[in-house]
Amino acid sequence: MGLMDTSSFGQTPLDADEREGLLIASITTNGELDEFEQHNIEHALQWLMGRSFTADVVFSEAFIRLVHKRMFGEVWVWAGEFRKTNKNFGVDKWEIITELRKLIDDAKFWHANAIYPPDELALRFKHRIVQIHCFANGNGRHSRLMADIIIEKLYQMPAFTWGRKFQQKDVLIRNLYLDAIKLADNGDFSALLKFARS
């Protein structure tokens, strides 16, 4: 989790829009926000340890919301709730539920019929859920955790490493990741598959 070093941005003050919905009034900078969010994500990872889930659970709206709530519920009022405004990325707010249901149905079909190898199925799910952009924030981190849940809980395979094996600076790793996402936008998942296991 966390593919970008935010230390250079850590002192940037949050504006009023960014603070809306924060549960912790003392958070004033991006660095503090990152720290609290990471702490909350670690709680979510602890919650997942030792638990098992079926495909019907993992590929459900309720579970997708629950994972986001577990990741960000100690920091944001709206954690686990679909966004109510349009962003410069993602589907229209009114299309979120419809597009998510299509993805869930597709993922259940992919899984039941072994349409894709496990890594590719998990990453296709991750890619599509980011494109939908269900939540006001945290979509990338949520999508990576969902991919890890799919690969670990449904296929009993190791979680993805998400570029941790690279010896480059975090900003370069993030660029590799974004380049892989752009290729996936055009249907080529090879770079994302490679990056996720590197």
Foldseek 3Di string as FASTA:
>chain_A
DDLADCVVQFAAFDDPVRCPFFPDPPDTGPNVVVVVLVVLQVQLVVVPPPDADELVQLLDLQNLLVSQCSRCVNTGNQRSAFDPQDDPAADGSVCLVVQSVVLSVVLVVCLVVVVDPLLVSLVVSLLSQVRNVGHPDDSNVSSLVSSQNSCCRVVVDHRFPQQPPDPDHSVVSVVLCVVQSVVVVVVDNPSVSVRRND
